């Protein structure tokens, strides 16, 4: 938590375009996992539910979600005097770690079962993060509602894929 606390203290209460860019950049870090571990021949041979979106949908959705996550964490970090900021930033980094772990588990190890556990824990971490964000900055919490809906959908999709391919 000391790193998160130091990052929070580095932020200024005034609008800082560099700080915003920093946090958006940090929010995009888990995208590297998806870049290195993406859909492959194994994935395309899996049985998937009829409601599975085409592969072309996932990239734009995640790009948008990462941008809103960057804006949200920026809004939280700006409130450096709020006592929950270190906790909220810590939850953000926990969520980022879980988010980055999903692609290697699913696409890299070909383990829909482990990735299902990961996305389930990710969902709870995201809920905790959103609650903390709301307490620090209601706008930051609201910006994460579409993210929560998408991760809920991802959980259902992962569960269905796991069930269809056991």
C-alpha atoms as a PDB file:
ATOM      1  CA  UNK A   1       0.000   0.000   0.000  1.00  0.00           C
ATOM      2  CA  UNK A   2       2.908   2.470   0.425  1.00  0.00           C
ATOM      3  CA  UNK A   3       3.295   2.684  -3.369  1.00  0.00           C
ATOM      4  CA  UNK A   4      -0.400   3.457  -3.777  1.00  0.00           C
ATOM      5  CA  UNK A   5      -0.187   6.065  -1.020  1.00  0.00           C
ATOM      6  CA  UNK A   6       2.811   7.721  -2.665  1.00  0.00           C
ATOM      7  CA  UNK A   7       1.067   7.701  -6.050  1.00  0.00           C
ATOM      8  CA  UNK A   8      -1.987   9.322  -4.468  1.00  0.00           C
ATOM      9  CA  UNK A   9       0.121  11.998  -2.816  1.00  0.00           C
ATOM     10  CA  UNK A  10       1.860  12.803  -6.117  1.00  0.00           C
ATOM     11  CA  UNK A  11      -1.462  13.926  -7.549  1.00  0.00           C
ATOM     12  CA  UNK A  12      -2.543  17.537  -7.339  1.00  0.00           C
ATOM     13  CA  UNK A  13      -6.062  18.643  -6.620  1.00  0.00           C
ATOM     14  CA  UNK A  14      -6.046  20.883  -9.668  1.00  0.00           C
ATOM     15  CA  UNK A  15      -6.692  19.502 -13.134  1.00  0.00           C
ATOM     16  CA  UNK A  16      -3.453  18.100 -14.509  1.00  0.00           C
ATOM     17  CA  UNK A  17      -3.412  16.781 -18.086  1.00  0.00           C
ATOM     18  CA  UNK A  18      -0.134  14.927 -17.433  1.00  0.00           C
ATOM     19  CA  UNK A  19      -1.584  13.238 -14.383  1.00  0.00           C
ATOM     20  CA  UNK A  20      -4.671  12.237 -16.349  1.00  0.00           C
ATOM     21  CA  UNK A  21      -2.488  10.757 -19.099  1.00  0.00           C
ATOM     22  CA  UNK A  22      -0.432   8.915 -16.488  1.00  0.00           C
ATOM     23  CA  UNK A  23      -3.500   7.265 -14.948  1.00  0.00           C
ATOM     24  CA  UNK A  24      -5.001   6.414 -18.332  1.00  0.00           C
ATOM     25  CA  UNK A  25      -1.684   4.806 -19.262  1.00  0.00           C
ATOM     26  CA  UNK A  26      -1.677   2.791 -16.036  1.00  0.00           C
ATOM     27  CA  UNK A  27      -5.251   1.686 -16.731  1.00  0.00           C
ATOM     28  CA  UNK A  28      -4.217   0.295 -20.132  1.00  0.00           C
ATOM     29  CA  UNK A  29      -1.386  -1.903 -18.759  1.00  0.00           C
ATOM     30  CA  UNK A  30      -3.546  -5.083 -18.546  1.00  0.00           C
ATOM     31  CA  UNK A  31      -4.241  -4.726 -22.274  1.00  0.00           C
ATOM     32  CA  UNK A  32      -0.703  -6.028 -22.830  1.00  0.00           C
ATOM     33  CA  UNK A  33      -1.848  -9.363 -21.455  1.00  0.00           C
ATOM     34  CA  UNK A  34      -4.589  -9.527 -24.091  1.00  0.00           C
ATOM     35  CA  UNK A  35      -2.087  -8.551 -26.764  1.00  0.00           C
ATOM     36  CA  UNK A  36       0.263 -11.408 -25.902  1.00  0.00           C
ATOM     37  CA  UNK A  37      -2.475 -13.940 -25.108  1.00  0.00           C
ATOM     38  CA  UNK A  38      -5.358 -13.534 -27.521  1.00  0.00           C
ATOM     39  CA  UNK A  39      -7.811 -15.764 -29.369  1.00  0.00           C
ATOM     40  CA  UNK A  40      -6.061 -18.645 -31.091  1.00  0.00           C
ATOM     41  CA  UNK A  41      -6.947 -21.852 -32.954  1.00  0.00           C
ATOM     42  CA  UNK A  42      -7.876 -23.541 -29.665  1.00  0.00           C
ATOM     43  CA  UNK A  43     -10.359 -20.764 -28.841  1.00  0.00           C
ATOM     44  CA  UNK A  44     -11.949 -20.829 -32.286  1.00  0.00           C
ATOM     45  CA  UNK A  45     -12.571 -24.594 -31.972  1.00  0.00           C
ATOM     46  CA  UNK A  46     -14.344 -24.266 -28.616  1.00  0.00           C
ATOM     47  CA  UNK A  47     -18.106 -24.645 -28.349  1.00  0.00           C
ATOM     48  CA  UNK A  48     -19.480 -21.217 -27.503  1.00  0.00           C
ATOM     49  CA  UNK A  49     -23.000 -19.994 -26.749  1.00  0.00           C
ATOM     50  CA  UNK A  50     -24.966 -18.389 -29.565  1.00  0.00           C
ATOM     51  CA  UNK A  51     -24.771 -15.037 -27.774  1.00  0.00           C
ATOM     52  CA  UNK A  52     -20.953 -14.886 -27.954  1.00  0.00           C
ATOM     53  CA  UNK A  53     -19.978 -11.570 -29.547  1.00  0.00           C
ATOM     54  CA  UNK A  54     -17.648 -11.621 -32.542  1.00  0.00           C
ATOM     55  CA  UNK A  55     -13.942 -11.221 -31.718  1.00  0.00           C
ATOM     56  CA  UNK A  56     -14.017  -7.723 -33.233  1.00  0.00           C
ATOM     57  CA  UNK A  57     -16.251  -6.471 -30.375  1.00  0.00           C
ATOM     58  CA  UNK A  58     -13.871  -7.205 -27.506  1.00  0.00           C
ATOM     59  CA  UNK A  59     -11.073  -4.806 -28.487  1.00  0.00           C
ATOM     60  CA  UNK A  60     -13.197  -1.645 -28.791  1.00  0.00           C
ATOM     61  CA  UNK A  61     -15.136  -2.462 -25.622  1.00  0.00           C
ATOM     62  CA  UNK A  62     -11.965  -2.958 -23.564  1.00  0.00           C
ATOM     63  CA  UNK A  63     -10.317   0.127 -25.063  1.00  0.00           C
ATOM     64  CA  UNK A  64     -13.306   2.181 -23.914  1.00  0.00           C
ATOM     65  CA  UNK A  65     -13.394   0.542 -20.485  1.00  0.00           C
ATOM     66  CA  UNK A  66      -9.676   1.144 -19.927  1.00  0.00           C
ATOM     67  CA  UNK A  67     -10.115   4.817 -20.829  1.00  0.00           C
ATOM     68  CA  UNK A  68     -12.991   5.247 -18.375  1.00  0.00           C
ATOM     69  CA  UNK A  69     -11.017   3.359 -15.737  1.00  0.00           C
ATOM     70  CA  UNK A  70      -8.105   5.754 -16.249  1.00  0.00           C
ATOM     71  CA  UNK A  71     -10.410   8.734 -15.874  1.00  0.00           C
ATOM     72  CA  UNK A  72     -11.994   7.184 -12.761  1.00  0.00           C
ATOM     73  CA  UNK A  73      -8.716   6.476 -11.000  1.00  0.00           C
ATOM     74  CA  UNK A  74      -7.547   9.968 -11.900  1.00  0.00           C
ATOM     75  CA  UNK A  75     -10.662  11.443 -10.252  1.00  0.00           C
ATOM     76  CA  UNK A  76      -9.968   9.350  -7.162  1.00  0.00           C
ATOM     77  CA  UNK A  77      -6.238  10.135  -7.000  1.00  0.00           C
ATOM     78  CA  UNK A  78      -6.963  13.871  -7.235  1.00  0.00           C
ATOM     79  CA  UNK A  79      -8.733  13.664  -3.870  1.00  0.00           C
ATOM     80  CA  UNK A  80      -5.399  12.977  -2.158  1.00  0.00           C
ATOM     81  CA  UNK A  81      -6.645  14.314   1.203  1.00  0.00           C
ATOM     82  CA  UNK A  82      -9.535  11.799   1.362  1.00  0.00           C
ATOM     83  CA  UNK A  83      -8.701   8.988   3.823  1.00  0.00           C
ATOM     84  CA  UNK A  84      -9.978   6.246   1.480  1.00  0.00           C
ATOM     85  CA  UNK A  85      -7.779   7.209  -1.484  1.00  0.00           C
ATOM     86  CA  UNK A  86      -4.951   4.762  -0.639  1.00  0.00           C
ATOM     87  CA  UNK A  87      -7.495   1.952  -0.196  1.00  0.00           C
ATOM     88  CA  UNK A  88      -9.270   2.819  -3.480  1.00  0.00           C
ATOM     89  CA  UNK A  89      -5.966   2.948  -5.356  1.00  0.00           C
ATOM     90  CA  UNK A  90      -4.927  -0.365  -3.799  1.00  0.00           C
ATOM     91  CA  UNK A  91      -8.194  -1.955  -4.977  1.00  0.00           C
ATOM     92  CA  UNK A  92      -7.590  -0.489  -8.434  1.00  0.00           C
ATOM     93  CA  UNK A  93      -4.183  -2.200  -8.607  1.00  0.00           C
ATOM     94  CA  UNK A  94      -5.622  -5.481  -7.294  1.00  0.00           C
ATOM     95  CA  UNK A  95      -8.281  -5.323  -9.996  1.00  0.00           C
ATOM     96  CA  UNK A  96      -5.640  -4.541 -12.624  1.00  0.00           C
ATOM     97  CA  UNK A  97      -3.641  -7.602 -11.581  1.00  0.00           C
ATOM     98  CA  UNK A  98      -6.686  -9.867 -11.814  1.00  0.00           C
ATOM     99  CA  UNK A  99      -7.679  -8.324 -15.130  1.00  0.00           C
ATOM    100  CA  UNK A 100      -4.194  -8.964 -16.537  1.00  0.00           C
ATOM    101  CA  UNK A 101      -4.237 -12.579 -15.278  1.00  0.00           C
ATOM    102  CA  UNK A 102      -7.385 -13.606 -17.127  1.00  0.00           C
ATOM    103  CA  UNK A 103      -6.004 -13.760 -20.696  1.00  0.00           C
ATOM    104  CA  UNK A 104      -2.965 -15.916 -19.848  1.00  0.00           C
ATOM    105  CA  UNK A 105      -5.210 -18.294 -17.908  1.00  0.00           C
ATOM    106  CA  UNK A 106      -7.872 -18.579 -20.605  1.00  0.00           C
ATOM    107  CA  UNK A 107      -5.951 -18.195 -23.868  1.00  0.00           C
ATOM    108  CA  UNK A 108      -2.422 -19.053 -22.737  1.00  0.00           C
ATOM    109  CA  UNK A 109      -3.070 -22.087 -20.519  1.00  0.00           C
ATOM    110  CA  UNK A 110      -6.389 -22.991 -22.215  1.00  0.00           C
ATOM    111  CA  UNK A 111      -8.030 -23.201 -18.801  1.00  0.00           C
ATOM    112  CA  UNK A 112     -11.607 -21.883 -18.851  1.00  0.00           C
ATOM    113  CA  UNK A 113     -12.023 -23.284 -15.331  1.00  0.00           C
ATOM    114  CA  UNK A 114      -9.177 -21.238 -13.830  1.00  0.00           C
ATOM    115  CA  UNK A 115     -10.129 -18.157 -15.818  1.00  0.00           C
ATOM    116  CA  UNK A 116     -13.700 -18.509 -14.508  1.00  0.00           C
ATOM    117  CA  UNK A 117     -12.397 -18.406 -10.940  1.00  0.00           C
ATOM    118  CA  UNK A 118     -10.224 -15.436 -11.897  1.00  0.00           C
ATOM    119  CA  UNK A 119     -13.098 -13.448 -13.437  1.00  0.00           C
ATOM    120  CA  UNK A 120     -15.270 -14.271 -10.417  1.00  0.00           C
ATOM    121  CA  UNK A 121     -12.672 -12.850  -8.039  1.00  0.00           C
ATOM    122  CA  UNK A 122     -12.180  -9.983 -10.503  1.00  0.00           C
ATOM    123  CA  UNK A 123     -15.907  -9.193 -10.281  1.00  0.00           C
ATOM    124  CA  UNK A 124     -15.750  -8.944  -6.475  1.00  0.00           C
ATOM    125  CA  UNK A 125     -12.587  -6.823  -6.653  1.00  0.00           C
ATOM    126  CA  UNK A 126     -14.310  -4.530  -9.163  1.00  0.00           C
ATOM    127  CA  UNK A 127     -17.370  -4.223  -6.902  1.00  0.00           C
ATOM    128  CA  UNK A 128     -15.111  -3.310  -3.978  1.00  0.00           C
ATOM    129  CA  UNK A 129     -13.220  -0.829  -6.127  1.00  0.00           C
ATOM    130  CA  UNK A 130     -16.444   0.799  -7.319  1.00  0.00           C
ATOM    131  CA  UNK A 131     -17.744   1.122  -3.752  1.00  0.00           C
ATOM    132  CA  UNK A 132     -14.490   2.774  -2.682  1.00  0.00           C
ATOM    133  CA  UNK A 133     -14.530   5.019  -5.756  1.00  0.00           C
ATOM    134  CA  UNK A 134     -18.102   6.135  -4.981  1.00  0.00           C
ATOM    135  CA  UNK A 135     -17.068   7.140  -1.470  1.00  0.00           C
ATOM    136  CA  UNK A 136     -14.146   9.206  -2.767  1.00  0.00           C
ATOM    137  CA  UNK A 137     -15.677  10.531  -6.002  1.00  0.00           C
ATOM    138  CA  UNK A 138     -19.231   9.602  -7.030  1.00  0.00           C
ATOM    139  CA  UNK A 139     -18.397  10.409 -10.675  1.00  0.00           C
ATOM    140  CA  UNK A 140     -15.511   7.922 -10.569  1.00  0.00           C
ATOM    141  CA  UNK A 141     -17.860   5.235  -9.270  1.00  0.00           C
ATOM    142  CA  UNK A 142     -20.513   5.955 -11.877  1.00  0.00           C
ATOM    143  CA  UNK A 143     -17.964   5.734 -14.674  1.00  0.00           C
ATOM    144  CA  UNK A 144     -17.331   2.112 -13.675  1.00  0.00           C
ATOM    145  CA  UNK A 145     -20.929   0.873 -13.958  1.00  0.00           C
ATOM    146  CA  UNK A 146     -20.519  -0.109 -17.664  1.00  0.00           C
ATOM    147  CA  UNK A 147     -17.318  -1.888 -16.646  1.00  0.00           C
ATOM    148  CA  UNK A 148     -19.206  -3.877 -14.015  1.00  0.00           C
ATOM    149  CA  UNK A 149     -21.857  -4.822 -16.576  1.00  0.00           C
ATOM    150  CA  UNK A 150     -19.177  -5.990 -19.024  1.00  0.00           C
ATOM    151  CA  UNK A 151     -17.316  -8.064 -16.415  1.00  0.00           C
ATOM    152  CA  UNK A 152     -20.659  -9.593 -15.383  1.00  0.00           C
ATOM    153  CA  UNK A 153     -21.246 -10.508 -19.024  1.00  0.00           C
ATOM    154  CA  UNK A 154     -17.677 -11.860 -19.281  1.00  0.00           C
ATOM    155  CA  UNK A 155     -18.287 -14.046 -16.230  1.00  0.00           C
ATOM    156  CA  UNK A 156     -21.468 -15.490 -17.793  1.00  0.00           C
ATOM    157  CA  UNK A 157     -19.708 -16.064 -21.114  1.00  0.00           C
ATOM    158  CA  UNK A 158     -16.689 -17.704 -19.457  1.00  0.00           C
ATOM    159  CA  UNK A 159     -18.995 -19.926 -17.385  1.00  0.00           C
ATOM    160  CA  UNK A 160     -20.954 -20.948 -20.466  1.00  0.00           C
ATOM    161  CA  UNK A 161     -17.782 -21.752 -22.430  1.00  0.00           C
ATOM    162  CA  UNK A 162     -16.452 -23.787 -19.519  1.00  0.00           C
ATOM    163  CA  UNK A 163     -19.756 -25.662 -19.231  1.00  0.00           C
ATOM    164  CA  UNK A 164     -19.992 -26.384 -22.978  1.00  0.00           C
ATOM    165  CA  UNK A 165     -16.414 -27.687 -23.171  1.00  0.00           C
ATOM    166  CA  UNK A 166     -15.978 -29.802 -20.036  1.00  0.00           C
END
